[in-house]
Protein backbone atom coordinates (compact mmCIF):
# COMPACT_ATOMS: atom_id res chain seq x y z
CA MET A 1 0.00 0.00 0.00
CA LEU A 2 2.89 2.37 0.57
CA PRO A 3 3.70 2.86 -3.15
CA PHE A 4 -0.01 3.45 -3.81
CA LYS A 5 -0.24 6.07 -1.05
CA GLN A 6 2.89 7.81 -2.32
CA ARG A 7 1.26 8.23 -5.75
CA MET A 8 -1.86 9.80 -4.27
CA THR A 9 -2.02 13.54 -4.92
CA GLY A 10 -5.48 14.40 -3.64
CA PHE A 11 -6.39 15.86 -7.02
CA PRO A 12 -9.19 13.40 -7.80
CA ARG A 13 -11.75 13.97 -5.06
CA PHE A 14 -12.31 10.24 -4.55
CA GLU A 15 -8.76 9.78 -3.18
CA THR A 16 -9.83 11.37 0.10
CA GLN A 17 -12.70 8.86 0.33
CA ILE A 18 -10.49 5.73 0.22
CA ARG A 19 -10.74 4.04 3.63
CA CYS A 20 -8.60 1.24 5.05
CA ALA A 21 -10.22 -2.14 5.62
CA GLY A 22 -7.38 -3.50 7.72
CA PRO A 23 -5.35 -4.07 9.81
CA ASP A 24 -7.45 -3.31 12.85
CA HIS A 25 -5.55 -0.19 13.96
CA LEU A 26 -6.08 1.43 10.50
CA GLU A 27 -9.61 0.23 9.79
CA GLY A 28 -11.94 3.03 8.69
CA LYS A 29 -9.21 5.68 8.47
CA SER A 30 -8.69 7.77 5.32
CA LEU A 31 -5.67 6.38 3.48
CA GLN A 32 -4.61 9.81 2.28
CA LEU A 33 -5.39 11.97 5.30
CA ALA A 34 -5.15 9.83 8.43
CA VAL A 35 -2.63 7.07 7.67
CA GLU A 36 1.08 7.79 7.95
CA PRO A 37 3.57 6.10 5.59
CA GLU A 38 5.24 4.45 8.58
CA ASP A 39 1.95 2.67 9.36
CA LEU A 40 2.02 0.98 5.96
CA ASN A 41 5.35 -0.82 6.40
CA CYS A 42 4.88 -4.51 7.06
CA GLU A 43 7.44 -6.56 8.92
CA GLY A 44 7.89 -9.21 6.22
CA THR A 45 7.68 -7.24 2.97
CA GLY A 46 9.50 -7.77 -0.28
CA THR A 47 9.21 -11.53 -0.69
CA SER A 48 6.44 -13.79 -1.82
CA PRO A 49 5.50 -17.00 0.00
CA GLY A 50 7.98 -18.89 -2.19
CA GLY A 51 10.83 -16.65 -1.08
CA VAL A 52 11.13 -14.87 -4.44
CA ALA A 53 11.31 -11.08 -4.42
CA GLU A 54 8.20 -9.41 -5.83
CA THR A 55 8.65 -6.87 -8.59
CA THR A 56 5.95 -4.82 -10.22
CA ALA A 57 8.18 -2.77 -12.51
CA PHE A 58 7.20 -4.57 -15.73
CA SER A 59 3.81 -5.85 -16.75
CA LEU A 60 3.54 -7.68 -20.07
CA PRO A 61 -0.20 -6.98 -20.61
CA VAL A 62 0.31 -3.26 -19.98
CA PHE A 63 3.30 -3.20 -22.31
CA LEU A 64 1.44 -5.03 -25.08
CA SER A 65 -1.61 -2.76 -24.77
CA ALA A 66 0.56 0.32 -24.97
CA LEU A 67 2.43 -1.07 -27.97
CA GLY A 68 -0.85 -1.96 -29.68
CA GLY A 69 -2.17 1.54 -29.04
CA VAL A 70 0.93 3.09 -30.57
CA VAL A 71 0.74 0.84 -33.63
CA VAL A 72 -2.96 1.53 -34.21
CA GLY A 73 -2.44 5.27 -33.66
CA ALA A 74 0.46 5.36 -36.13
CA PHE A 75 -1.59 3.44 -38.71
CA LEU A 76 -4.57 5.80 -38.39
CA ALA A 77 -2.36 8.89 -38.54
CA SER A 78 -0.57 7.62 -41.67
CA ALA A 79 -3.92 6.79 -43.31
CA VAL A 80 -5.23 10.31 -42.67
CA PHE A 81 -2.04 11.96 -43.91
CA SER A 82 -1.98 9.72 -47.01
CA VAL A 83 -5.53 10.73 -47.93
CA MET A 84 -4.71 14.41 -47.42
CA TRP A 85 -1.52 14.12 -49.48
CA CYS A 86 -3.34 12.38 -52.35
CA LYS A 87 -6.10 15.00 -52.42
CA ILE A 88 -3.61 17.88 -52.47
CA ARG A 89 -1.50 16.20 -55.13
CA ARG A 90 -4.57 15.45 -57.26
CA ARG A 91 -5.67 19.09 -57.01
CA ILE A 92 -2.21 20.37 -58.02
CA THR A 93 -1.65 17.96 -60.93
CA ALA A 94 -5.22 17.82 -62.26
CA PRO A 95 -5.06 18.16 -66.06
CA THR A 96 -7.04 20.90 -67.72
CA PRO A 97 -9.82 19.51 -69.90
CA VAL A 98 -9.06 19.44 -73.62
CA GLN A 99 -11.85 20.53 -75.90
CA ASN A 100 -12.89 18.22 -78.70
CA PRO A 101 -11.79 19.83 -81.99
CA HIS A 102 -14.71 18.15 -83.83
CA ASP A 103 -17.28 19.64 -81.49
CA THR A 104 -19.07 22.30 -83.54
CA SER A 105 -21.28 23.53 -80.72
CA ALA A 106 -18.39 25.36 -79.12
CA HIS A 107 -17.44 27.20 -82.36
CA THR A 108 -20.84 28.31 -83.55
CA THR A 109 -21.22 31.91 -84.46
CA ALA A 110 -24.43 33.73 -84.85
CA GLU A 111 -25.23 35.03 -88.30
CA VAL A 112 -27.23 38.14 -88.66
């Protein structure tokens, strides 16, 4: 709980409403306002029941979701920029229409 409390800023209003459920001497107290960091230190921290040190620095699901988000974002951005580039290029290089030389309706003159 100590790393969680250290990240609490009080900015979201709900952080002041988080109450401890245990141990008994902390039960019902506000985690942010009434609990001191020293109260959150356990006597046997840092190892799991198997004796292996616990680390939470890397999470594969979080990493893969972030990577997927970056890939999808890059794909969407490149698709939008490609469409914009093609439209601008088409507008710049659009050929002027050539009139049909055999079309007599364009060359008619009125006789008086």
